[in-house]
Amino acid sequence: MLRKESSFSKMFENSGYYEEMEHRDNSLPLNSKNHKTITIDDLNAFGMKNNNFSNGWSGEKFLGGFGVTKDYEIVDYWTLRKRSKQLFTENLYARGLIRRLITNEINKGISLEATPDNKILNISDEEADEFAETIERRFTIWGKNQTLCDHARTDTFGSLQRQARLMAIVSGDVLVILRVNKNGTPNIQLVDAENVRTPNSDKMIRESKARGNTIEHGVELNQSKRHIAYYVNNSKGKSTRIATTGARTGRKQAFLYYGTEKLLGEVRGQSLLGLVIQSLKEIDRYRDSEQRAATVNAMLALWIEKGEDKLSSNPFNSGAIRKDLVETQDDAQGRKDVEFSANMPGMIFQELQHGEKPHSYDTKRPNVNFAVFEEAIINAIAWANEMPPEIMTLGFSSNYSASQAAVSEFKMYLEKMRSDFGDCFLDHVYKDFLLSEVLSDNIEAKGFLEAYRTNQWDIYGAWGLSTWAGAIKPAIDMLKMIKAYSLAEKEGWVTNDRASKDIFGMKFSKVVQQNTRENKQKVEMTKPLIEAGLVKDENPQMAELSEKLEELIESMSEKNIGGNNE
């Protein structure tokens, strides 16, 4: 007796659930005593390929429940970039999303706050403050000079930040090249990700292999997968190799800034729009379709229904004659005249045939539920990008608690994003600027150059410590926030510096310095007015208090000057 095996029997062979049975052909019924019942949960998606169907949990609860499993190790970066750029150019949802992100993240530019570690450097607090004040001022002046900070000499440092963030979001990443001006200060060149590609030159590829490196998507990697160099294609198709660090100096020369997070092993970045490309395209098509439908439907005002088989009155040819007076035939009720205004819109129908009735064109377009559907899609897109929908659409209609919760959640995202932007982009620029300033003797930083040359990471890192402050979203209820921070400061739960940064985005030390100058100006302004009698001195002790305050300010200034001289 021959045993005929079906593909079903092969799939469960040696599985423990299948018991051998023999039958002459497939038309014979199976003997329930010779096999066990197998539920759909016992199946797996690759049962036909793998004889052992119980090979572990794969995420599917039934055969084919997950769908096609894709391997994203191979990414079509070229198509992804082109589609993202197309959406940014012609899709209002994509443009709005990216604009809202950049406006909130970068705004006018993220500002430097130097924070050298005086304990590691063994310097006084006053020396650390003086260093921070000087380097911040010089860095700000450099960033406002387009001819110094921008290689193309067109943008300030704030504009370069916005441009770098924009290109990284749309293209996935952007190449940042740090060049040096004639005066020693750095300037920044941004290269679109599309121009960073594997060279066509066999010579360059062979030279890379001779160094023991490989080239992936325009990035030269060593055996440890570290970035060694980047290959930039110009408009003529010629490639230029740009090393990440200088061969003699070891200074950072070029690096990739990524717009979104990436998985381990990924060399290039993917566009922020990549996840929602299809959703953005289809919701934009839906919006255009509804808009076109509304336009077409508005052109069809009405139609004439014929109830009898008679010659049509053809009202559209004669019913809209524009005259000051329209005469019609007499009837039993006498003569009828219809007066028209010279600019009356539309038309009037008279003397239709018997059985003819005008009907207004009633349509279901545009869809009355379009706004609800659009809102659902926008909410999903905003959620995927860690942005409250209210901020993305600038539609603020919630109560105070809901609005405050949305702002608080978005602040968490902004803090994380600015920290990453500082670590991955701004810090490289600042440290290169600091090095050039010390080399030019514009800034005094004891032991900085020695630490850089001898790789004393603690001293070098302590001088280069910094934080980056961005624009602060104004509080919905400023009074409530100030009261809360004031109470927290009195209880010792928060510092004045933290409160000043969170509420107004300013360092407390700078606020104190500015207030000191302003208070002195107030005293100088008020004193002569009181002495001249132009301002009534309601407080008899006002003059005495003014003098004491002026003396106190002068003594504090002299003390600070003396301390600095020491």
Protein backbone atom coordinates (compact mmCIF):
# COMPACT_ATOMS: atom_id res chain seq x y z
CA MET A 1 0.00 0.00 0.00
CA LEU A 2 1.47 3.33 -1.06
CA ARG A 3 1.42 6.29 1.27
CA LYS A 4 0.58 9.58 -0.41
CA GLU A 5 1.94 12.63 1.41
CA SER A 6 0.30 15.99 1.05
CA SER A 7 2.02 19.31 1.69
CA PHE A 8 -0.11 19.55 4.83
CA SER A 9 1.40 16.34 6.18
CA LYS A 10 4.93 17.48 5.37
CA MET A 11 4.36 20.73 7.26
CA PHE A 12 3.62 18.93 10.50
CA GLU A 13 6.06 16.03 10.11
CA ASN A 14 8.14 15.33 13.25
CA SER A 15 6.23 17.99 15.15
CA GLY A 16 4.71 15.88 17.88
CA TYR A 17 1.22 16.82 16.74
CA TYR A 18 1.26 14.72 13.60
CA GLU A 19 0.84 10.96 13.79
CA GLU A 20 1.53 8.90 10.70
CA MET A 21 -1.49 7.60 8.86
CA GLU A 22 -1.93 5.85 5.56
CA HIS A 23 -4.70 6.04 3.01
CA ARG A 24 -5.04 5.17 -0.64
CA ASP A 25 -5.90 8.64 -1.96
CA ASN A 26 -6.80 12.09 -0.77
CA SER A 27 -10.50 11.53 -1.32
CA LEU A 28 -10.72 9.14 1.63
CA PRO A 29 -11.73 10.71 4.94
CA LEU A 30 -9.09 11.07 7.62
CA ASN A 31 -9.39 8.81 10.65
CA SER A 32 -9.82 11.06 13.68
CA LYS A 33 -8.27 8.38 15.85
CA ASN A 34 -4.97 8.63 14.01
CA HIS A 35 -4.31 12.37 14.36
CA LYS A 36 -4.62 15.20 16.83
CA THR A 37 -6.63 18.35 16.29
CA ILE A 38 -4.45 21.39 15.52
CA THR A 39 -5.79 24.87 16.24
CA ILE A 40 -5.01 27.93 14.17
CA ASP A 41 -2.77 29.27 16.96
CA ASP A 42 -0.48 26.24 16.47
CA LEU A 43 0.37 27.34 12.95
CA ASN A 44 3.21 29.68 11.98
CA ALA A 45 3.77 31.92 9.00
CA PHE A 46 6.64 29.85 7.62
CA GLY A 47 5.16 26.40 8.14
CA MET A 48 5.44 25.51 4.48
CA LYS A 49 9.16 26.30 4.51
CA ASN A 50 10.06 25.02 7.96
CA ASN A 51 9.03 21.47 8.85
CA ASN A 52 8.94 22.35 12.54
CA PHE A 53 5.99 24.72 12.93
CA SER A 54 6.41 25.21 16.70
CA ASN A 55 9.66 27.17 16.37
CA GLY A 56 8.84 29.99 18.80
CA TRP A 57 6.87 33.19 19.13
CA SER A 58 7.05 35.47 16.09
CA GLY A 59 4.34 37.99 16.94
CA GLU A 60 1.60 36.35 14.89
CA LYS A 61 -1.46 34.87 16.56
CA PHE A 62 -2.58 33.09 13.40
CA LEU A 63 -1.15 32.23 10.00
CA GLY A 64 -0.58 35.40 7.98
CA GLY A 65 -1.96 37.62 10.74
CA PHE A 66 1.01 39.99 10.68
CA GLY A 67 1.36 40.10 6.92
CA VAL A 68 4.56 40.32 4.94
CA THR A 69 7.71 40.58 7.06
CA LYS A 70 10.04 43.13 5.49
CA ASP A 71 13.78 43.50 5.87
CA TYR A 72 14.73 47.16 6.22
CA GLU A 73 18.48 46.59 6.16
CA ILE A 74 18.29 47.75 2.55
CA VAL A 75 16.92 51.31 2.44
CA ASP A 76 16.32 53.26 -0.76
CA TYR A 77 17.73 56.51 0.59
CA TRP A 78 17.60 58.23 -2.82
CA THR A 79 13.86 57.69 -3.32
CA LEU A 80 13.13 58.49 0.32
CA ARG A 81 14.92 61.84 0.07
CA LYS A 82 13.29 62.76 -3.24
CA ARG A 83 9.81 62.00 -1.96
CA SER A 84 10.41 63.90 1.27
CA LYS A 85 11.64 66.95 -0.63
CA GLN A 86 8.64 66.73 -2.94
CA LEU A 87 6.27 66.65 0.03
CA PHE A 88 8.02 69.58 1.68
CA THR A 89 7.66 71.55 -1.55
CA GLU A 90 4.04 70.82 -2.47
CA ASN A 91 2.28 69.31 0.56
CA LEU A 92 0.86 71.84 3.02
CA TYR A 93 0.69 69.29 5.86
CA ALA A 94 4.37 68.35 5.49
CA ARG A 95 5.44 71.98 5.24
CA GLY A 96 3.34 72.92 8.26
CA LEU A 97 4.71 70.08 10.38
CA ILE A 98 8.35 70.91 9.64
CA ARG A 99 7.85 74.64 10.08
CA ARG A 100 6.22 74.17 13.47
CA LEU A 101 9.05 71.88 14.60
CA ILE A 102 11.84 74.23 13.53
CA THR A 103 10.11 77.33 14.91
CA ASN A 104 9.69 75.71 18.31
CA GLU A 105 13.03 73.88 18.38
CA ILE A 106 15.42 76.49 16.99
CA ASN A 107 13.43 79.71 16.70
CA LYS A 108 15.97 82.56 16.41
CA GLY A 109 18.81 80.23 17.35
CA ILE A 110 19.96 78.27 20.38
CA SER A 111 22.31 80.31 22.59
CA LEU A 112 25.54 79.23 24.25
CA GLU A 113 25.86 79.07 28.02
CA ALA A 114 29.45 78.19 28.94
CA THR A 115 29.69 76.20 32.19
CA PRO A 116 33.35 75.41 32.93
CA ASP A 117 33.88 73.09 35.88
CA ASN A 118 35.91 75.23 38.31
CA LYS A 119 36.53 72.31 40.69
CA ILE A 120 38.24 70.19 38.05
CA LEU A 121 40.11 73.21 36.70
CA ASN A 122 41.04 74.43 40.19
CA ILE A 123 39.92 77.99 39.51
CA SER A 124 37.69 80.34 41.51
CA ASP A 125 34.02 80.94 40.83
CA GLU A 126 34.84 84.48 39.75
CA GLU A 127 37.38 83.23 37.20
CA ALA A 128 34.90 80.70 35.85
CA ASP A 129 32.21 83.38 35.55
CA GLU A 130 34.58 85.78 33.83
CA PHE A 131 35.64 83.08 31.35
CA ALA A 132 32.02 82.18 30.62
CA GLU A 133 31.00 85.81 30.16
CA THR A 134 33.87 86.53 27.77
CA ILE A 135 33.56 83.42 25.60
CA GLU A 136 29.78 83.81 25.34
CA ARG A 137 30.09 87.41 24.19
CA ARG A 138 32.76 86.58 21.60
CA PHE A 139 30.83 83.54 20.37
CA THR A 140 27.69 85.68 19.97
CA ILE A 141 29.57 88.34 18.01
CA TRP A 142 31.10 85.67 15.76
CA GLY A 143 27.67 84.10 15.19
CA LYS A 144 26.15 87.41 14.12
CA ASN A 145 28.82 87.95 11.44
CA GLN A 146 27.82 86.15 8.23
CA THR A 147 31.24 86.57 6.66
CA LEU A 148 32.88 84.73 9.55
CA CYS A 149 30.51 81.94 10.58
CA ASP A 150 29.07 80.95 7.18
CA HIS A 151 31.25 79.51 4.43
CA ALA A 152 28.83 80.96 1.86
CA ARG A 153 28.82 84.30 3.75
CA THR A 154 25.02 84.62 3.63
CA ASP A 155 23.63 83.36 6.96
CA THR A 156 24.16 84.02 10.64
CA PHE A 157 24.76 81.16 13.05
CA GLY A 158 21.08 81.14 14.02
CA SER A 159 20.08 80.80 10.36
CA LEU A 160 22.64 78.03 9.89
CA GLN A 161 21.09 76.17 12.82
CA ARG A 162 17.66 76.37 11.21
CA GLN A 163 19.04 75.32 7.83
CA ALA A 164 20.95 72.37 9.27
CA ARG A 165 17.90 71.20 11.20
CA LEU A 166 15.66 71.59 8.14
CA MET A 167 17.94 69.61 5.83
CA ALA A 168 18.45 66.90 8.44
CA ILE A 169 14.69 66.51 8.93
CA VAL A 170 13.86 66.44 5.21
CA SER A 171 16.89 64.53 3.87
CA GLY A 172 17.64 62.40 6.92
CA ASP A 173 21.05 63.93 7.63
CA VAL A 174 23.31 66.80 6.61
CA LEU A 175 27.09 66.94 6.28
CA VAL A 176 28.69 69.71 8.36
CA ILE A 177 32.19 70.80 7.33
CA LEU A 178 34.22 73.01 9.69
CA ARG A 179 36.61 75.22 7.76
CA VAL A 180 38.98 77.92 9.04
CA ASN A 181 38.99 81.62 8.18
CA LYS A 182 42.16 83.62 7.68
CA ASN A 183 41.82 85.06 11.18
CA GLY A 184 41.67 81.55 12.66
CA THR A 185 37.95 81.45 13.48
CA PRO A 186 35.87 78.58 12.11
CA ASN A 187 33.24 78.82 9.40
CA ILE A 188 30.52 76.30 8.64
CA GLN A 189 29.65 74.68 5.33
CA LEU A 190 26.48 72.58 5.01
CA VAL A 191 26.25 69.88 2.35
CA ASP A 192 22.96 68.26 1.38
CA ALA A 193 22.76 64.53 2.11
CA GLU A 194 22.03 63.88 -1.56
CA ASN A 195 25.58 64.91 -2.46
CA VAL A 196 27.21 62.49 0.00
CA ARG A 197 27.45 59.29 -2.01
CA THR A 198 29.81 56.47 -2.85
CA PRO A 199 32.35 57.68 -5.44
CA ASN A 200 32.39 56.37 -9.00
CA SER A 201 36.18 56.39 -8.96
CA ASP A 202 37.69 52.91 -8.76
CA LYS A 203 40.90 54.53 -7.54
CA MET A 204 39.19 55.98 -4.46
CA ILE A 205 37.53 52.67 -3.68
CA ARG A 206 40.84 50.79 -3.99
CA GLU A 207 42.59 53.35 -1.77
CA SER A 208 39.89 52.93 0.85
CA LYS A 209 40.27 49.14 0.79
CA ALA A 210 44.05 49.52 1.06
CA ARG A 211 43.49 51.40 4.31
CA GLY A 212 41.39 48.50 5.55
CA ASN A 213 38.19 50.51 5.29
CA THR A 214 34.88 50.18 3.48
CA ILE A 215 32.57 52.75 1.88
CA GLU A 216 28.84 52.66 2.59
CA HIS A 217 26.50 55.27 1.13
CA GLY A 218 29.32 57.79 0.78
CA VAL A 219 30.78 57.22 4.25
CA GLU A 220 34.18 55.61 4.73
CA LEU A 221 34.17 53.29 7.75
CA ASN A 222 37.00 51.49 9.49
CA GLN A 223 36.74 48.00 10.94
CA SER A 224 35.20 49.45 14.12
CA LYS A 225 32.48 51.14 11.99
CA ARG A 226 33.77 54.60 12.88
CA HIS A 227 33.36 57.41 10.38
CA ILE A 228 36.74 58.11 8.80
CA ALA A 229 35.80 60.26 5.80
CA TYR A 230 32.93 61.43 3.60
CA TYR A 231 32.76 61.52 -0.20
CA VAL A 232 31.04 64.58 -1.66
CA ASN A 233 29.92 64.69 -5.29
CA ASN A 234 29.89 68.01 -7.08
CA SER A 235 27.64 69.02 -9.97
CA LYS A 236 30.06 67.47 -12.48
CA GLY A 237 30.00 64.08 -10.78
CA LYS A 238 33.50 64.36 -9.35
CA SER A 239 33.99 63.08 -5.79
CA THR A 240 36.03 64.78 -3.06
CA ARG A 241 37.18 62.93 0.05
CA ILE A 242 36.81 64.91 3.29
CA ALA A 243 38.36 63.36 6.40
CA THR A 244 36.50 63.64 9.70
CA THR A 245 39.62 64.90 11.53
CA GLY A 246 42.77 66.70 10.47
CA ALA A 247 45.77 64.44 9.89
CA ARG A 248 48.22 66.72 11.77
CA THR A 249 46.07 68.62 14.25
CA GLY A 250 43.38 66.07 15.04
CA ARG A 251 40.75 68.84 14.88
CA LYS A 252 37.21 67.92 13.94
CA GLN A 253 36.73 68.72 10.25
CA ALA A 254 33.45 67.11 9.23
CA PHE A 255 30.57 65.16 10.72
CA LEU A 256 27.05 64.01 9.85
CA TYR A 257 24.18 65.49 11.79
CA TYR A 258 21.12 63.21 11.82
CA GLY A 259 17.58 64.59 11.88
CA THR A 260 16.02 61.61 13.65
CA GLU A 261 17.10 58.69 15.78
CA LYS A 262 18.66 55.74 13.98
CA LEU A 263 19.15 52.08 14.77
CA LEU A 264 22.51 50.49 15.48
CA GLY A 265 24.41 49.75 12.31
CA GLU A 266 22.67 52.39 10.22
CA VAL A 267 25.16 54.68 8.49
CA ARG A 268 22.79 57.26 7.02
CA GLY A 269 19.70 58.92 8.44
CA GLN A 270 16.11 58.65 7.26
CA SER A 271 13.76 61.57 6.73
CA LEU A 272 11.39 62.48 9.52
CA LEU A 273 8.62 62.34 6.91
CA GLY A 274 9.49 58.77 5.94
CA LEU A 275 7.07 57.26 8.44
CA VAL A 276 4.13 59.39 7.29
CA ILE A 277 4.89 59.92 3.59
CA GLN A 278 1.88 57.98 2.33
CA SER A 279 -0.49 59.43 4.93
CA LEU A 280 0.60 62.97 4.07
CA LYS A 281 0.20 62.33 0.34
CA GLU A 282 -3.25 60.76 0.61
CA ILE A 283 -4.76 63.29 3.01
CA ASP A 284 -3.53 66.06 0.69
CA ARG A 285 -5.17 64.31 -2.28
CA TYR A 286 -8.40 63.94 -0.30
CA ARG A 287 -8.36 67.64 0.55
CA ASP A 288 -7.77 68.61 -3.09
CA SER A 289 -10.56 66.29 -4.26
CA GLU A 290 -13.07 67.79 -1.84
CA GLN A 291 -12.01 71.28 -2.81
CA ARG A 292 -12.39 70.56 -6.54
CA ALA A 293 -15.75 68.90 -5.92
CA ALA A 294 -16.98 71.97 -4.07
CA THR A 295 -15.88 74.21 -6.95
CA VAL A 296 -17.56 72.07 -9.62
CA ASN A 297 -20.74 71.69 -7.60
CA ALA A 298 -20.95 75.45 -7.08
CA MET A 299 -21.11 75.89 -10.87
CA LEU A 300 -24.18 73.64 -11.15
CA ALA A 301 -26.88 75.88 -9.69
CA LEU A 302 -30.01 73.91 -10.63
CA TRP A 303 -31.66 71.69 -13.21
CA ILE A 304 -35.12 71.55 -14.82
CA GLU A 305 -37.28 68.49 -14.36
CA LYS A 306 -39.71 67.72 -17.24
CA GLY A 307 -42.91 66.03 -16.12
CA GLU A 308 -44.58 66.02 -19.58
CA ASP A 309 -43.38 65.19 -23.06
CA LYS A 310 -43.38 68.72 -24.43
CA LEU A 311 -40.91 70.98 -26.12
CA SER A 312 -38.56 72.48 -23.56
CA SER A 313 -38.81 76.16 -22.77
CA ASN A 314 -34.97 76.36 -22.80
CA PRO A 315 -34.93 78.82 -19.90
CA PHE A 316 -31.17 79.11 -19.71
CA ASN A 317 -31.02 80.96 -23.03
CA SER A 318 -33.69 83.55 -22.36
CA GLY A 319 -34.39 83.69 -18.68
CA ALA A 320 -31.36 85.72 -17.66
CA ILE A 321 -31.73 88.68 -20.00
CA ARG A 322 -30.53 91.74 -18.13
CA LYS A 323 -32.70 94.77 -18.79
CA ASP A 324 -34.21 97.47 -16.72
CA LEU A 325 -37.67 96.08 -17.50
CA VAL A 326 -38.72 92.68 -18.78
CA GLU A 327 -42.17 92.43 -20.36
CA THR A 328 -44.18 89.21 -20.50
CA GLN A 329 -47.46 88.32 -22.17
CA ASP A 330 -50.77 89.29 -20.64
CA ASP A 331 -52.92 86.71 -18.90
CA ALA A 332 -56.23 86.69 -17.11
CA GLN A 333 -54.71 88.64 -14.23
CA GLY A 334 -53.31 91.32 -16.46
CA ARG A 335 -49.86 92.34 -17.56
CA LYS A 336 -46.81 91.19 -15.55
CA ASP A 337 -43.53 93.12 -15.52
CA VAL A 338 -40.34 91.96 -13.81
CA GLU A 339 -37.76 94.59 -12.83
CA PHE A 340 -34.07 93.67 -12.78
CA SER A 341 -31.22 95.37 -11.00
CA ALA A 342 -28.24 96.06 -13.23
CA ASN A 343 -25.95 93.96 -11.05
CA MET A 344 -28.41 91.32 -9.87
CA PRO A 345 -26.61 87.96 -9.70
CA GLY A 346 -28.14 84.69 -10.86
CA MET A 347 -31.24 84.44 -13.02
CA ILE A 348 -35.05 84.37 -12.87
CA PHE A 349 -37.18 81.80 -14.72
CA GLN A 350 -40.67 82.65 -15.94
CA GLU A 351 -43.19 81.00 -18.24
CA LEU A 352 -41.86 77.43 -17.95
CA GLN A 353 -43.78 74.77 -19.81
CA HIS A 354 -46.41 72.77 -17.99
CA GLY A 355 -44.73 69.95 -16.09
CA GLU A 356 -41.34 71.68 -15.81
CA LYS A 357 -39.98 72.23 -12.31
CA PRO A 358 -36.65 73.82 -11.28
CA HIS A 359 -34.60 71.88 -8.73
CA SER A 360 -31.56 73.15 -6.89
CA TYR A 361 -28.49 70.95 -7.32
CA ASP A 362 -28.16 69.09 -4.03
CA THR A 363 -24.86 67.32 -3.46
CA LYS A 364 -23.08 65.44 -0.74
CA ARG A 365 -19.79 67.14 -1.60
CA PRO A 366 -17.79 68.44 0.07
CA ASN A 367 -18.06 65.74 2.67
CA VAL A 368 -19.36 67.20 5.91
CA ASN A 369 -17.20 64.72 7.83
CA PHE A 370 -13.99 65.75 6.08
CA ALA A 371 -12.84 67.95 8.97
CA VAL A 372 -13.30 65.11 11.45
CA PHE A 373 -11.36 62.69 9.27
CA GLU A 374 -8.63 65.26 8.61
CA GLU A 375 -8.29 65.93 12.34
CA ALA A 376 -7.87 62.21 13.05
CA ILE A 377 -5.06 61.92 10.49
CA ILE A 378 -3.33 65.08 11.73
CA ASN A 379 -3.53 63.86 15.32
CA ALA A 380 -1.81 60.62 14.34
CA ILE A 381 0.92 62.48 12.42
CA ALA A 382 1.50 64.87 15.33
CA TRP A 383 1.58 62.01 17.83
CA ALA A 384 4.15 60.12 15.76
CA ASN A 385 6.39 63.20 15.87
CA GLU A 386 5.95 63.89 19.62
CA MET A 387 4.02 67.10 19.01
CA PRO A 388 0.64 67.97 20.52
CA PRO A 389 -1.94 68.46 17.74
CA GLU A 390 -2.86 71.89 19.16
CA ILE A 391 0.68 73.13 18.55
CA MET A 392 0.93 71.59 15.09
CA THR A 393 -2.32 73.17 13.89
CA LEU A 394 -2.17 76.32 16.07
CA GLY A 395 -5.69 75.49 17.20
CA PHE A 396 -5.94 76.35 20.89
CA SER A 397 -9.44 75.66 22.14
CA SER A 398 -8.86 73.48 25.21
CA ASN A 399 -9.20 74.52 28.83
CA TYR A 400 -6.26 75.62 30.98
CA SER A 401 -5.42 72.18 32.38
CA ALA A 402 -5.46 70.48 28.97
CA SER A 403 -3.42 73.26 27.37
CA GLN A 404 -0.89 73.21 30.20
CA ALA A 405 -0.55 69.43 29.87
CA ALA A 406 0.08 69.76 26.13
CA VAL A 407 2.69 72.48 26.65
CA SER A 408 4.41 70.48 29.41
CA GLU A 409 4.62 67.39 27.21
CA PHE A 410 6.02 69.41 24.33
CA LYS A 411 8.58 71.03 26.64
CA MET A 412 9.92 67.57 27.46
CA TYR A 413 10.40 66.93 23.74
CA LEU A 414 12.06 70.32 23.23
CA GLU A 415 14.50 69.74 26.10
CA LYS A 416 15.48 66.36 24.68
CA MET A 417 15.79 67.68 21.15
CA ARG A 418 17.89 70.71 22.15
CA SER A 419 20.16 68.51 24.23
CA ASP A 420 20.71 66.19 21.26
CA PHE A 421 21.19 69.14 18.91
CA GLY A 422 23.75 70.59 21.29
CA ASP A 423 25.65 67.31 21.66
CA CYS A 424 25.62 66.37 17.98
CA PHE A 425 25.98 69.76 16.27
CA LEU A 426 26.54 72.82 18.44
CA ASP A 427 29.22 71.38 20.74
CA HIS A 428 31.46 70.55 17.77
CA VAL A 429 31.23 74.14 16.56
CA TYR A 430 31.77 75.65 20.01
CA LYS A 431 34.81 73.54 20.86
CA ASP A 432 36.41 74.38 17.54
CA PHE A 433 35.71 78.07 18.19
CA LEU A 434 37.12 77.81 21.72
CA LEU A 435 40.28 76.15 20.43
CA SER A 436 40.78 78.88 17.82
CA GLU A 437 40.26 81.60 20.45
CA VAL A 438 42.81 80.08 22.82
CA LEU A 439 45.31 79.62 19.98
CA SER A 440 44.83 83.29 19.05
CA ASP A 441 45.33 84.39 22.70
CA ASN A 442 41.87 85.98 22.74
CA ILE A 443 40.77 83.80 25.65
CA GLU A 444 42.78 82.71 28.66
CA ALA A 445 42.17 79.07 29.60
CA LYS A 446 44.98 77.67 31.73
CA GLY A 447 46.06 74.20 30.68
CA PHE A 448 43.57 73.96 27.81
CA LEU A 449 46.10 73.61 24.98
CA GLU A 450 48.28 71.23 26.97
CA ALA A 451 45.25 69.10 27.75
CA TYR A 452 44.26 69.08 24.07
CA ARG A 453 47.71 68.07 22.89
CA THR A 454 48.34 65.44 25.56
CA ASN A 455 44.78 64.07 25.58
CA GLN A 456 43.99 65.10 29.15
CA TRP A 457 40.29 64.54 28.63
CA ASP A 458 39.22 65.86 32.04
CA ILE A 459 40.88 69.29 31.74
CA TYR A 460 39.94 69.67 28.09
CA GLY A 461 36.35 68.62 28.77
CA ALA A 462 36.01 70.85 31.85
CA TRP A 463 36.88 73.96 29.83
CA GLY A 464 34.52 72.97 27.01
CA LEU A 465 31.44 72.23 29.14
CA SER A 466 28.35 74.07 27.96
CA THR A 467 24.59 74.07 27.86
CA TRP A 468 22.37 75.44 25.13
CA ALA A 469 19.31 77.56 25.81
CA GLY A 470 16.46 77.95 23.35
CA ALA A 471 13.34 80.06 23.22
CA ILE A 472 10.96 79.58 26.14
CA LYS A 473 7.28 79.06 25.46
CA PRO A 474 5.40 81.69 27.49
CA ALA A 475 3.34 80.30 30.33
CA ILE A 476 -0.41 80.19 29.84
CA ASP A 477 -0.89 81.64 33.32
CA MET A 478 2.32 83.48 34.21
CA LEU A 479 1.14 84.44 37.69
CA LYS A 480 0.50 80.84 38.71
CA MET A 481 3.91 79.73 37.44
CA ILE A 482 5.77 82.56 39.19
CA LYS A 483 4.03 81.82 42.48
CA ALA A 484 4.87 78.13 42.18
CA TYR A 485 8.57 78.77 41.44
CA SER A 486 8.76 81.41 44.17
CA LEU A 487 7.47 78.94 46.74
CA ALA A 488 9.81 76.22 45.47
CA GLU A 489 12.79 78.58 45.71
CA LYS A 490 11.92 79.57 49.28
CA GLU A 491 11.68 75.91 50.28
CA GLY A 492 15.03 75.18 48.64
CA TRP A 493 13.57 72.85 45.99
CA VAL A 494 14.82 74.87 43.04
CA THR A 495 17.53 77.46 42.41
CA ASN A 496 17.03 81.00 41.21
CA ASP A 497 19.04 80.14 38.12
CA ARG A 498 16.77 77.22 37.21
CA ALA A 499 13.63 79.29 37.81
CA SER A 500 14.98 82.15 35.72
CA LYS A 501 15.81 79.82 32.83
CA ASP A 502 12.51 77.92 32.95
CA ILE A 503 10.29 80.99 33.12
CA PHE A 504 12.17 83.61 31.11
CA GLY A 505 15.02 81.72 29.43
CA MET A 506 17.73 83.88 31.04
CA LYS A 507 20.65 83.11 33.34
CA PHE A 508 20.12 84.42 36.86
CA SER A 509 23.63 85.90 37.01
CA LYS A 510 22.95 87.98 33.91
CA VAL A 511 19.61 89.10 35.31
CA VAL A 512 21.31 90.27 38.53
CA GLN A 513 23.97 92.17 36.60
CA GLN A 514 21.39 93.89 34.43
CA ASN A 515 19.15 94.70 37.39
CA THR A 516 22.10 96.21 39.25
CA ARG A 517 22.78 98.58 36.40
CA GLU A 518 19.10 99.41 35.98
CA ASN A 519 18.59 100.08 39.70
CA LYS A 520 21.54 102.44 39.69
CA GLN A 521 20.04 104.25 36.71
CA LYS A 522 16.71 104.52 38.53
CA VAL A 523 18.41 106.12 41.54
CA GLU A 524 20.29 108.58 39.35
CA MET A 525 17.09 109.41 37.45
CA THR A 526 14.85 109.89 40.51
CA LYS A 527 17.21 111.84 42.80
CA PRO A 528 17.42 115.13 40.82
CA LEU A 529 13.67 115.09 40.21
CA ILE A 530 13.02 114.90 43.95
CA GLU A 531 15.60 117.57 44.74
CA ALA A 532 14.05 119.90 42.16
CA GLY A 533 10.60 119.32 43.58
CA LEU A 534 9.29 118.00 40.28
CA VAL A 535 8.37 114.73 41.94
CA LYS A 536 6.60 114.67 45.28
CA ASP A 537 8.60 112.79 47.87
CA GLU A 538 5.85 110.91 49.62
CA ASN A 539 8.41 109.01 51.65
CA PRO A 540 10.58 111.32 53.81
CA GLN A 541 13.27 108.65 53.94
CA MET A 542 13.45 108.36 50.14
CA ALA A 543 16.53 110.53 49.76
CA GLU A 544 18.36 108.75 52.53
CA LEU A 545 17.50 105.34 51.10
CA SER A 546 18.61 106.45 47.64
CA GLU A 547 21.97 107.59 48.96
CA LYS A 548 22.48 104.36 50.89
CA LEU A 549 21.55 102.29 47.85
CA GLU A 550 23.96 104.28 45.70
CA GLU A 551 26.76 103.81 48.25
CA LEU A 552 26.02 100.09 48.45
CA ILE A 553 26.19 99.70 44.68
CA GLU A 554 29.48 101.60 44.52
CA SER A 555 30.99 99.52 47.32
CA MET A 556 29.92 96.29 45.62
CA SER A 557 31.45 97.47 42.35
CA GLU A 558 34.74 98.38 44.07
CA LYS A 559 34.78 95.02 45.84
CA ASN A 560 34.28 93.16 42.57
CA ILE A 561 37.02 95.18 40.89
CA GLY A 562 39.39 94.53 43.77
CA GLY A 563 38.58 90.82 43.76
CA ASN A 564 39.26 90.56 40.04
CA ASN A 565 42.58 92.35 40.41
CA GLU A 566 43.64 89.88 43.04
